[in-house]
Amino acid sequence: LVIHLDREGGRRILRTVSLLQEHQGALRMVPAFEQTPQGPSFGPGW
C-alpha cells in the first residue's frame, strides 16, 4: 500500500490510499481511496 498525505491549509489529511503494482516492466498506482473536496471517492483498487 502507498499512503499519500497532503496539506490543506494548516491541516494534514490522508489524500489517497493506493495499491502499487508492477505491469509490463513498470510500476503503476491503482487508486483505492481518495479524499476529494467533494468527499470520499473509491477507486478500482478498493
All heavy atoms as atom14 arrays in JSON, in Angstrom:
{
  "sequence": "LVIHLDREGGRRILRTVSLLQEHQGALRMVPAFEQTPQGPSFGPGW",
  "atom14_mask": [
    [1, 1, 1, 1, 1, 1, 1, 1, 0, 0, 0, 0, 0, 0],
    [1, 1, 1, 1, 1, 1, 1, 0, 0, 0, 0, 0, 0, 0],
    [1, 1, 1, 1, 1, 1, 1, 1, 0, 0, 0, 0, 0, 0],
    [1, 1, 1, 1, 1, 1, 1, 1, 1, 1, 0, 0, 0, 0],
    [1, 1, 1, 1, 1, 1, 1, 1, 0, 0, 0, 0, 0, 0],
    [1, 1, 1, 1, 1, 1, 1, 1, 0, 0, 0, 0, 0, 0],
    [1, 1, 1, 1, 1, 1, 1, 1, 1, 1, 1, 0, 0, 0],
    [1, 1, 1, 1, 1, 1, 1, 1, 1, 0, 0, 0, 0, 0],
    [1, 1, 1, 1, 0, 0, 0, 0, 0, 0, 0, 0, 0, 0],
    [1, 1, 1, 1, 0, 0, 0, 0, 0, 0, 0, 0, 0, 0],
    [1, 1, 1, 1, 1, 1, 1, 1, 1, 1, 1, 0, 0, 0],
    [1, 1, 1, 1, 1, 1, 1, 1, 1, 1, 1, 0, 0, 0],
    [1, 1, 1, 1, 1, 1, 1, 1, 0, 0, 0, 0, 0, 0],
    [1, 1, 1, 1, 1, 1, 1, 1, 0, 0, 0, 0, 0, 0],
    [1, 1, 1, 1, 1, 1, 1, 1, 1, 1, 1, 0, 0, 0],
    [1, 1, 1, 1, 1, 1, 1, 0, 0, 0, 0, 0, 0, 0],
    [1, 1, 1, 1, 1, 1, 1, 0, 0, 0, 0, 0, 0, 0],
    [1, 1, 1, 1, 1, 1, 0, 0, 0, 0, 0, 0, 0, 0],
    [1, 1, 1, 1, 1, 1, 1, 1, 0, 0, 0, 0, 0, 0],
    [1, 1, 1, 1, 1, 1, 1, 1, 0, 0, 0, 0, 0, 0],
    [1, 1, 1, 1, 1, 1, 1, 1, 1, 0, 0, 0, 0, 0],
    [1, 1, 1, 1, 1, 1, 1, 1, 1, 0, 0, 0, 0, 0],
    [1, 1, 1, 1, 1, 1, 1, 1, 1, 1, 0, 0, 0, 0],
    [1, 1, 1, 1, 1, 1, 1, 1, 1, 0, 0, 0, 0, 0],
    [1, 1, 1, 1, 0, 0, 0, 0, 0, 0, 0, 0, 0, 0],
    [1, 1, 1, 1, 1, 0, 0, 0, 0, 0, 0, 0, 0, 0],
    [1, 1, 1, 1, 1, 1, 1, 1, 0, 0, 0, 0, 0, 0],
    [1, 1, 1, 1, 1, 1, 1, 1, 1, 1, 1, 0, 0, 0],
    [1, 1, 1, 1, 1, 1, 1, 1, 0, 0, 0, 0, 0, 0],
    [1, 1, 1, 1, 1, 1, 1, 0, 0, 0, 0, 0, 0, 0],
    [1, 1, 1, 1, 1, 1, 1, 0, 0, 0, 0, 0, 0, 0],
    [1, 1, 1, 1, 1, 0, 0, 0, 0, 0, 0, 0, 0, 0],
    [1, 1, 1, 1, 1, 1, 1, 1, 1, 1, 1, 0, 0, 0],
    [1, 1, 1, 1, 1, 1, 1, 1, 1, 0, 0, 0, 0, 0],
    [1, 1, 1, 1, 1, 1, 1, 1, 1, 0, 0, 0, 0, 0],
    [1, 1, 1, 1, 1, 1, 1, 0, 0, 0, 0, 0, 0, 0],
    [1, 1, 1, 1, 1, 1, 1, 0, 0, 0, 0, 0, 0, 0],
    [1, 1, 1, 1, 1, 1, 1, 1, 1, 0, 0, 0, 0, 0],
    [1, 1, 1, 1, 0, 0, 0, 0, 0, 0, 0, 0, 0, 0],
    [1, 1, 1, 1, 1, 1, 1, 0, 0, 0, 0, 0, 0, 0],
    [1, 1, 1, 1, 1, 1, 0, 0, 0, 0, 0, 0, 0, 0],
    [1, 1, 1, 1, 1, 1, 1, 1, 1, 1, 1, 0, 0, 0],
    [1, 1, 1, 1, 0, 0, 0, 0, 0, 0, 0, 0, 0, 0],
    [1, 1, 1, 1, 1, 1, 1, 0, 0, 0, 0, 0, 0, 0],
    [1, 1, 1, 1, 0, 0, 0, 0, 0, 0, 0, 0, 0, 0],
    [1, 1, 1, 1, 1, 1, 1, 1, 1, 1, 1, 1, 1, 1]
  ],
  "atom14_positions": [
    [[0.82, -1.2, 0.0], [0.0, 0.0, 0.0], [0.86, 1.26, 0.0], [1.9, 1.31, 0.66], [-0.9, 0.03, 1.24], [-1.97, -1.06, 1.36], [-2.65, -0.97, 2.73], [-2.99, -0.95, 0.24], [0.0, 0.0, 0.0], [0.0, 0.0, 0.0], [0.0, 0.0, 0.0], [0.0, 0.0, 0.0], [0.0, 0.0, 0.0], [0.0, 0.0, 0.0]],
    [[0.4, 2.26, -0.73], [1.01, 3.59, -0.7], [-0.01, 4.55, -0.1], [-1.11, 4.72, -0.63], [1.42, 4.07, -2.11], [1.97, 5.49, -2.04], [2.46, 3.12, -2.71], [0.0, 0.0, 0.0], [0.0, 0.0, 0.0], [0.0, 0.0, 0.0], [0.0, 0.0, 0.0], [0.0, 0.0, 0.0], [0.0, 0.0, 0.0], [0.0, 0.0, 0.0]],
    [[0.37, 5.16, 1.02], [-0.5, 6.11, 1.73], [0.06, 7.5, 1.48], [1.17, 7.82, 1.91], [-0.5, 5.8, 3.24], [-0.96, 4.37, 3.5], [-1.37, 6.79, 4.0], [-0.66, 3.87, 4.9], [0.0, 0.0, 0.0], [0.0, 0.0, 0.0], [0.0, 0.0, 0.0], [0.0, 0.0, 0.0], [0.0, 0.0, 0.0], [0.0, 0.0, 0.0]],
    [[-0.69, 8.32, 0.77], [-0.21, 9.66, 0.44], [-0.91, 10.71, 1.28], [-2.15, 10.75, 1.36], [-0.4, 9.98, -1.05], [0.22, 11.28, -1.44], [1.58, 11.45, -1.61], [-0.33, 12.51, -1.67], [1.84, 12.7, -1.93], [0.7, 13.36, -1.98], [0.0, 0.0, 0.0], [0.0, 0.0, 0.0], [0.0, 0.0, 0.0], [0.0, 0.0, 0.0]],
    [[-0.1, 11.58, 1.9], [-0.61, 12.64, 2.77], [-0.41, 14.0, 2.11], [0.52, 14.2, 1.33], [0.09, 12.6, 4.12], [-0.16, 11.3, 4.9], [0.97, 11.02, 5.85], [-1.47, 11.39, 5.65], [0.0, 0.0, 0.0], [0.0, 0.0, 0.0], [0.0, 0.0, 0.0], [0.0, 0.0, 0.0], [0.0, 0.0, 0.0], [0.0, 0.0, 0.0]],
    [[-1.29, 14.91, 2.45], [-1.27, 16.24, 1.84], [-1.57, 17.28, 2.9], [-2.02, 16.96, 4.0], [-2.32, 16.3, 0.72], [-1.98, 17.32, -0.35], [-1.02, 18.08, -0.16], [-2.69, 17.35, -1.38], [0.0, 0.0, 0.0], [0.0, 0.0, 0.0], [0.0, 0.0, 0.0], [0.0, 0.0, 0.0], [0.0, 0.0, 0.0], [0.0, 0.0, 0.0]],
    [[-1.32, 18.53, 2.54], [-1.64, 19.64, 3.44], [-2.77, 20.45, 2.81], [-2.75, 20.74, 1.62], [-0.42, 20.52, 3.65], [0.74, 19.77, 4.24], [1.82, 20.7, 4.69], [1.36, 21.59, 5.74], [2.15, 22.22, 6.59], [3.45, 22.04, 6.51], [1.68, 23.02, 7.49], [0.0, 0.0, 0.0], [0.0, 0.0, 0.0], [0.0, 0.0, 0.0]],
    [[-3.72, 20.78, 3.63], [-4.87, 21.56, 3.19], [-5.02, 22.72, 4.17], [-5.6, 22.57, 5.24], [-6.12, 20.69, 3.18], [-7.26, 21.23, 2.35], [-8.38, 20.21, 2.21], [-9.14, 20.03, 3.18], [-8.47, 19.57, 1.13], [0.0, 0.0, 0.0], [0.0, 0.0, 0.0], [0.0, 0.0, 0.0], [0.0, 0.0, 0.0], [0.0, 0.0, 0.0]],
    [[-4.46, 23.88, 3.81], [-4.37, 24.96, 4.77], [-3.38, 24.59, 5.86], [-2.27, 24.18, 5.6], [0.0, 0.0, 0.0], [0.0, 0.0, 0.0], [0.0, 0.0, 0.0], [0.0, 0.0, 0.0], [0.0, 0.0, 0.0], [0.0, 0.0, 0.0], [0.0, 0.0, 0.0], [0.0, 0.0, 0.0], [0.0, 0.0, 0.0], [0.0, 0.0, 0.0]],
    [[-3.81, 24.67, 7.11], [-2.95, 24.25, 8.21], [-3.21, 22.83, 8.65], [-2.64, 22.37, 9.63], [0.0, 0.0, 0.0], [0.0, 0.0, 0.0], [0.0, 0.0, 0.0], [0.0, 0.0, 0.0], [0.0, 0.0, 0.0], [0.0, 0.0, 0.0], [0.0, 0.0, 0.0], [0.0, 0.0, 0.0], [0.0, 0.0, 0.0], [0.0, 0.0, 0.0]],
    [[-4.07, 22.11, 7.89], [-4.47, 20.76, 8.29], [-3.78, 19.72, 7.42], [-3.58, 19.92, 6.23], [-5.99, 20.63, 8.16], [-6.58, 19.38, 8.76], [-8.09, 19.52, 8.87], [-8.71, 19.63, 7.55], [-9.39, 18.65, 6.96], [-9.55, 17.51, 7.56], [-9.92, 18.84, 5.77], [0.0, 0.0, 0.0], [0.0, 0.0, 0.0], [0.0, 0.0, 0.0]],
    [[-3.42, 18.6, 8.03], [-2.83, 17.48, 7.3], [-3.9, 16.42, 7.09], [-4.6, 16.06, 8.04], [-1.65, 16.9, 8.09], [-0.51, 17.89, 8.28], [0.48, 17.39, 9.32], [1.65, 18.24, 9.42], [1.73, 19.34, 10.15], [0.68, 19.72, 10.88], [2.83, 20.07, 10.19], [0.0, 0.0, 0.0], [0.0, 0.0, 0.0], [0.0, 0.0, 0.0]],
    [[-3.99, 15.91, 5.87], [-5.02, 14.92, 5.58], [-4.43, 13.76, 4.79], [-3.46, 13.92, 4.05], [-6.2, 15.52, 4.79], [-5.73, 16.03, 3.42], [-6.89, 16.63, 5.57], [-6.87, 16.39, 2.5], [0.0, 0.0, 0.0], [0.0, 0.0, 0.0], [0.0, 0.0, 0.0], [0.0, 0.0, 0.0], [0.0, 0.0, 0.0], [0.0, 0.0, 0.0]],
    [[-5.03, 12.58, 4.99], [-4.71, 11.44, 4.15], [-5.46, 11.63, 2.84], [-6.69, 11.6, 2.81], [-5.12, 10.13, 4.83], [-4.68, 8.84, 4.12], [-4.5, 7.73, 5.13], [-5.67, 8.41, 3.06], [0.0, 0.0, 0.0], [0.0, 0.0, 0.0], [0.0, 0.0, 0.0], [0.0, 0.0, 0.0], [0.0, 0.0, 0.0], [0.0, 0.0, 0.0]],
    [[-4.7, 11.87, 1.76], [-5.31, 12.18, 0.47], [-5.71, 10.92, -0.3], [-6.82, 10.84, -0.83], [-4.34, 13.02, -0.37], [-4.88, 13.42, -1.73], [-6.04, 14.38, -1.62], [-5.6, 15.7, -1.16], [-6.42, 16.66, -0.82], [-7.73, 16.47, -0.85], [-5.96, 17.83, -0.4], [0.0, 0.0, 0.0], [0.0, 0.0, 0.0], [0.0, 0.0, 0.0]],
    [[-4.79, 9.96, -0.36], [-5.09, 8.74, -1.13], [-4.49, 7.51, -0.47], [-3.48, 7.6, 0.25], [-4.54, 8.82, -2.57], [-3.1, 8.91, -2.52], [-5.1, 10.01, -3.32], [0.0, 0.0, 0.0], [0.0, 0.0, 0.0], [0.0, 0.0, 0.0], [0.0, 0.0, 0.0], [0.0, 0.0, 0.0], [0.0, 0.0, 0.0], [0.0, 0.0, 0.0]],
    [[-5.12, 6.38, -0.73], [-4.55, 5.06, -0.46], [-4.57, 4.32, -1.79], [-5.62, 4.23, -2.45], [-5.34, 4.28, 0.59], [-4.74, 2.88, 0.77], [-5.37, 5.01, 1.92], [0.0, 0.0, 0.0], [0.0, 0.0, 0.0], [0.0, 0.0, 0.0], [0.0, 0.0, 0.0], [0.0, 0.0, 0.0], [0.0, 0.0, 0.0], [0.0, 0.0, 0.0]],
    [[-3.4, 3.81, -2.2], [-3.31, 3.14, -3.5], [-2.57, 1.82, -3.35], [-1.77, 1.64, -2.42], [-2.56, 4.02, -4.52], [-3.16, 5.28, -4.65], [0.0, 0.0, 0.0], [0.0, 0.0, 0.0], [0.0, 0.0, 0.0], [0.0, 0.0, 0.0], [0.0, 0.0, 0.0], [0.0, 0.0, 0.0], [0.0, 0.0, 0.0], [0.0, 0.0, 0.0]],
    [[-2.83, 0.93, -4.26], [-2.05, -0.28, -4.41], [-0.91, 0.0, -5.38], [-1.08, 0.76, -6.33], [-2.91, -1.42, -4.95], [-4.17, -1.75, -4.15], [-5.03, -2.75, -4.92], [-3.82, -2.3, -2.79], [0.0, 0.0, 0.0], [0.0, 0.0, 0.0], [0.0, 0.0, 0.0], [0.0, 0.0, 0.0], [0.0, 0.0, 0.0], [0.0, 0.0, 0.0]],
    [[0.24, -0.59, -5.13], [1.4, -0.42, -6.01], [1.62, -1.74, -6.73], [1.83, -2.78, -6.1], [2.63, -0.04, -5.2], [3.89, 0.29, -6.0], [3.7, 1.54, -6.83], [5.09, 0.47, -5.06], [0.0, 0.0, 0.0], [0.0, 0.0, 0.0], [0.0, 0.0, 0.0], [0.0, 0.0, 0.0], [0.0, 0.0, 0.0], [0.0, 0.0, 0.0]],
    [[1.55, -1.72, -8.05], [1.64, -2.96, -8.83], [2.63, -2.81, -9.97], [2.8, -1.72, -10.53], [0.26, -3.33, -9.39], [-0.78, -3.63, -8.33], [-2.14, -3.97, -8.92], [-2.39, -3.75, -10.11], [-3.03, -4.51, -8.09], [0.0, 0.0, 0.0], [0.0, 0.0, 0.0], [0.0, 0.0, 0.0], [0.0, 0.0, 0.0], [0.0, 0.0, 0.0]],
    [[3.25, -3.94, -10.31], [4.12, -3.99, -11.48], [3.29, -4.41, -12.69], [2.5, -5.36, -12.62], [5.25, -4.99, -11.24], [6.29, -5.05, -12.36], [5.91, -6.03, -13.47], [5.14, -6.98, -13.17], [6.38, -5.87, -14.6], [0.0, 0.0, 0.0], [0.0, 0.0, 0.0], [0.0, 0.0, 0.0], [0.0, 0.0, 0.0], [0.0, 0.0, 0.0]],
    [[3.45, -3.69, -13.79], [2.7, -4.01, -15.01], [3.59, -3.78, -16.22], [3.99, -2.65, -16.5], [1.44, -3.14, -15.11], [0.62, -3.39, -16.34], [-0.07, -4.57, -16.54], [0.4, -2.61, -17.44], [-0.7, -4.51, -17.7], [-0.43, -3.34, -18.27], [0.0, 0.0, 0.0], [0.0, 0.0, 0.0], [0.0, 0.0, 0.0], [0.0, 0.0, 0.0]],
    [[3.93, -4.87, -16.89], [4.75, -4.82, -18.11], [6.05, -4.04, -17.89], [6.42, -3.17, -18.67], [3.95, -4.21, -19.27], [2.74, -5.05, -19.65], [1.96, -4.46, -20.81], [2.23, -3.33, -21.26], [1.0, -5.21, -21.35], [0.0, 0.0, 0.0], [0.0, 0.0, 0.0], [0.0, 0.0, 0.0], [0.0, 0.0, 0.0], [0.0, 0.0, 0.0]],
    [[6.73, -4.36, -16.79], [8.03, -3.78, -16.51], [8.02, -2.39, -15.93], [9.08, -1.75, -15.81], [0.0, 0.0, 0.0], [0.0, 0.0, 0.0], [0.0, 0.0, 0.0], [0.0, 0.0, 0.0], [0.0, 0.0, 0.0], [0.0, 0.0, 0.0], [0.0, 0.0, 0.0], [0.0, 0.0, 0.0], [0.0, 0.0, 0.0], [0.0, 0.0, 0.0]],
    [[6.86, -1.9, -15.54], [6.76, -0.56, -14.95], [5.83, -0.61, -13.74], [4.99, -1.51, -13.62], [6.26, 0.45, -15.97], [0.0, 0.0, 0.0], [0.0, 0.0, 0.0], [0.0, 0.0, 0.0], [0.0, 0.0, 0.0], [0.0, 0.0, 0.0], [0.0, 0.0, 0.0], [0.0, 0.0, 0.0], [0.0, 0.0, 0.0], [0.0, 0.0, 0.0]],
    [[6.0, 0.35, -12.84], [5.12, 0.45, -11.68], [3.89, 1.29, -12.02], [3.98, 2.26, -12.79], [5.85, 1.12, -10.51], [6.89, 0.27, -9.77], [7.62, 1.12, -8.74], [6.23, -0.93, -9.1], [0.0, 0.0, 0.0], [0.0, 0.0, 0.0], [0.0, 0.0, 0.0], [0.0, 0.0, 0.0], [0.0, 0.0, 0.0], [0.0, 0.0, 0.0]],
    [[2.77, 0.92, -11.46], [1.57, 1.72, -11.63], [0.82, 1.8, -10.3], [0.87, 0.88, -9.49], [0.66, 1.16, -12.72], [0.04, -0.19, -12.38], [-0.91, -0.63, -13.47], [-1.55, -1.91, -13.15], [-2.42, -2.53, -13.94], [-2.74, -1.99, -15.11], [-2.96, -3.68, -13.56], [0.0, 0.0, 0.0], [0.0, 0.0, 0.0], [0.0, 0.0, 0.0]],
    [[0.15, 2.9, -10.11], [-0.67, 3.1, -8.92], [-2.11, 2.74, -9.24], [-2.66, 3.18, -10.26], [-0.59, 4.55, -8.46], [0.82, 5.08, -8.26], [1.66, 4.31, -6.87], [0.73, 5.01, -5.52], [0.0, 0.0, 0.0], [0.0, 0.0, 0.0], [0.0, 0.0, 0.0], [0.0, 0.0, 0.0], [0.0, 0.0, 0.0], [0.0, 0.0, 0.0]],
    [[-2.71, 1.96, -8.37], [-4.12, 1.6, -8.52], [-4.88, 2.24, -7.36], [-4.81, 1.76, -6.23], [-4.32, 0.07, -8.53], [-5.8, -0.27, -8.73], [-3.47, -0.58, -9.61], [0.0, 0.0, 0.0], [0.0, 0.0, 0.0], [0.0, 0.0, 0.0], [0.0, 0.0, 0.0], [0.0, 0.0, 0.0], [0.0, 0.0, 0.0], [0.0, 0.0, 0.0]],
    [[-5.6, 3.34, -7.61], [-6.28, 4.06, -6.52], [-7.33, 3.19, -5.84], [-8.13, 2.52, -6.49], [-6.92, 5.25, -7.23], [-6.21, 5.37, -8.54], [-5.82, 3.98, -8.92], [0.0, 0.0, 0.0], [0.0, 0.0, 0.0], [0.0, 0.0, 0.0], [0.0, 0.0, 0.0], [0.0, 0.0, 0.0], [0.0, 0.0, 0.0], [0.0, 0.0, 0.0]],
    [[-7.31, 3.21, -4.5], [-8.34, 2.53, -3.72], [-9.26, 3.55, -3.05], [-10.46, 3.34, -2.96], [-7.7, 1.62, -2.68], [0.0, 0.0, 0.0], [0.0, 0.0, 0.0], [0.0, 0.0, 0.0], [0.0, 0.0, 0.0], [0.0, 0.0, 0.0], [0.0, 0.0, 0.0], [0.0, 0.0, 0.0], [0.0, 0.0, 0.0], [0.0, 0.0, 0.0]],
    [[-8.66, 4.64, -2.57], [-9.43, 5.67, -1.86], [-8.8, 7.02, -2.12], [-7.58, 7.15, -2.18], [-9.44, 5.39, -0.35], [-9.91, 6.55, 0.48], [-11.26, 6.78, 0.66], [-8.99, 7.43, 1.05], [-11.7, 7.87, 1.41], [-9.42, 8.51, 1.8], [-10.78, 8.73, 1.98], [0.0, 0.0, 0.0], [0.0, 0.0, 0.0], [0.0, 0.0, 0.0]],
    [[-9.65, 8.04, -2.26], [-9.17, 9.42, -2.39], [-10.12, 10.34, -1.65], [-11.34, 10.23, -1.78], [-9.06, 9.85, -3.85], [-8.54, 11.28, -4.0], [-8.38, 11.71, -5.44], [-8.74, 10.91, -6.33], [-7.88, 12.83, -5.67], [0.0, 0.0, 0.0], [0.0, 0.0, 0.0], [0.0, 0.0, 0.0], [0.0, 0.0, 0.0], [0.0, 0.0, 0.0]],
    [[-9.53, 11.24, -0.86], [-10.32, 12.27, -0.19], [-10.34, 13.49, -1.09], [-9.33, 14.17, -1.27], [-9.72, 12.61, 1.17], [-10.51, 13.63, 1.98], [-11.9, 13.12, 2.36], [-12.05, 11.96, 2.74], [-12.89, 13.97, 2.24], [0.0, 0.0, 0.0], [0.0, 0.0, 0.0], [0.0, 0.0, 0.0], [0.0, 0.0, 0.0], [0.0, 0.0, 0.0]],
    [[-11.48, 13.78, -1.7], [-11.61, 14.91, -2.61], [-12.36, 16.05, -1.91], [-12.96, 15.84, -0.85], [-12.4, 14.49, -3.87], [-13.77, 14.3, -3.51], [-11.83, 13.2, -4.46], [0.0, 0.0, 0.0], [0.0, 0.0, 0.0], [0.0, 0.0, 0.0], [0.0, 0.0, 0.0], [0.0, 0.0, 0.0], [0.0, 0.0, 0.0], [0.0, 0.0, 0.0]],
    [[-12.33, 17.25, -2.49], [-13.11, 18.35, -1.9], [-14.6, 18.04, -1.8], [-15.31, 18.6, -0.95], [-12.85, 19.52, -2.87], [-11.52, 19.2, -3.48], [-11.49, 17.71, -3.6], [0.0, 0.0, 0.0], [0.0, 0.0, 0.0], [0.0, 0.0, 0.0], [0.0, 0.0, 0.0], [0.0, 0.0, 0.0], [0.0, 0.0, 0.0], [0.0, 0.0, 0.0]],
    [[-15.08, 17.14, -2.66], [-16.5, 16.78, -2.63], [-16.79, 15.64, -1.66], [-17.96, 15.32, -1.43], [-16.97, 16.37, -4.05], [-16.98, 17.51, -5.06], [-15.58, 17.9, -5.52], [-14.71, 17.04, -5.67], [-15.36, 19.2, -5.72], [0.0, 0.0, 0.0], [0.0, 0.0, 0.0], [0.0, 0.0, 0.0], [0.0, 0.0, 0.0], [0.0, 0.0, 0.0]],
    [[-15.74, 15.02, -1.13], [-15.93, 13.91, -0.21], [-15.12, 12.7, -0.62], [-14.32, 12.76, -1.56], [0.0, 0.0, 0.0], [0.0, 0.0, 0.0], [0.0, 0.0, 0.0], [0.0, 0.0, 0.0], [0.0, 0.0, 0.0], [0.0, 0.0, 0.0], [0.0, 0.0, 0.0], [0.0, 0.0, 0.0], [0.0, 0.0, 0.0], [0.0, 0.0, 0.0]],
    [[-15.3, 11.56, 0.06], [-14.51, 10.37, -0.25], [-14.88, 9.78, -1.6], [-16.05, 9.79, -2.0], [-14.85, 9.41, 0.89], [-16.19, 9.86, 1.37], [-16.22, 11.35, 1.19], [0.0, 0.0, 0.0], [0.0, 0.0, 0.0], [0.0, 0.0, 0.0], [0.0, 0.0, 0.0], [0.0, 0.0, 0.0], [0.0, 0.0, 0.0], [0.0, 0.0, 0.0]],
    [[-13.86, 9.27, -2.29], [-14.05, 8.61, -3.58], [-13.34, 7.27, -3.54], [-12.21, 7.17, -3.04], [-13.48, 9.48, -4.71], [-13.52, 8.8, -5.95], [0.0, 0.0, 0.0], [0.0, 0.0, 0.0], [0.0, 0.0, 0.0], [0.0, 0.0, 0.0], [0.0, 0.0, 0.0], [0.0, 0.0, 0.0], [0.0, 0.0, 0.0], [0.0, 0.0, 0.0]],
    [[-13.98, 6.23, -4.05], [-13.43, 4.88, -4.0], [-13.09, 4.42, -5.41], [-13.92, 4.47, -6.32], [-14.42, 3.93, -3.33], [-14.81, 4.38, -1.95], [-15.94, 5.16, -1.74], [-14.01, 4.07, -0.87], [-16.28, 5.6, -0.48], [-14.34, 4.5, 0.41], [-15.48, 5.28, 0.6], [0.0, 0.0, 0.0], [0.0, 0.0, 0.0], [0.0, 0.0, 0.0]],
    [[-11.83, 3.99, -5.6], [-11.34, 3.64, -6.92], [-11.33, 2.16, -7.18], [-11.8, 1.35, -6.37], [0.0, 0.0, 0.0], [0.0, 0.0, 0.0], [0.0, 0.0, 0.0], [0.0, 0.0, 0.0], [0.0, 0.0, 0.0], [0.0, 0.0, 0.0], [0.0, 0.0, 0.0], [0.0, 0.0, 0.0], [0.0, 0.0, 0.0], [0.0, 0.0, 0.0]],
    [[-10.74, 1.75, -8.32], [-10.74, 0.34, -8.72], [-9.97, -0.58, -7.77], [-10.16, -1.79, -7.8], [-10.09, 0.37, -10.11], [-9.34, 1.67, -10.16], [-10.12, 2.61, -9.33], [0.0, 0.0, 0.0], [0.0, 0.0, 0.0], [0.0, 0.0, 0.0], [0.0, 0.0, 0.0], [0.0, 0.0, 0.0], [0.0, 0.0, 0.0], [0.0, 0.0, 0.0]],
    [[-9.1, -0.01, -6.94], [-8.33, -0.85, -6.01], [-9.01, -1.05, -4.67], [-8.44, -1.72, -3.79], [0.0, 0.0, 0.0], [0.0, 0.0, 0.0], [0.0, 0.0, 0.0], [0.0, 0.0, 0.0], [0.0, 0.0, 0.0], [0.0, 0.0, 0.0], [0.0, 0.0, 0.0], [0.0, 0.0, 0.0], [0.0, 0.0, 0.0], [0.0, 0.0, 0.0]],
    [[-10.23, -0.51, -4.5], [-10.88, -0.57, -3.19], [-11.12, -1.99, -2.71], [-10.85, -2.33, -1.56], [-12.2, 0.21, -3.22], [-12.98, 0.08, -1.94], [-14.06, -0.7, -1.71], [-12.67, 0.72, -0.69], [-14.48, -0.57, -0.4], [-13.64, 0.29, 0.24], [-11.69, 1.61, -0.28], [-13.64, 0.73, 1.57], [-11.69, 2.05, 1.04], [-12.66, 1.6, 1.95]]
  ]
}
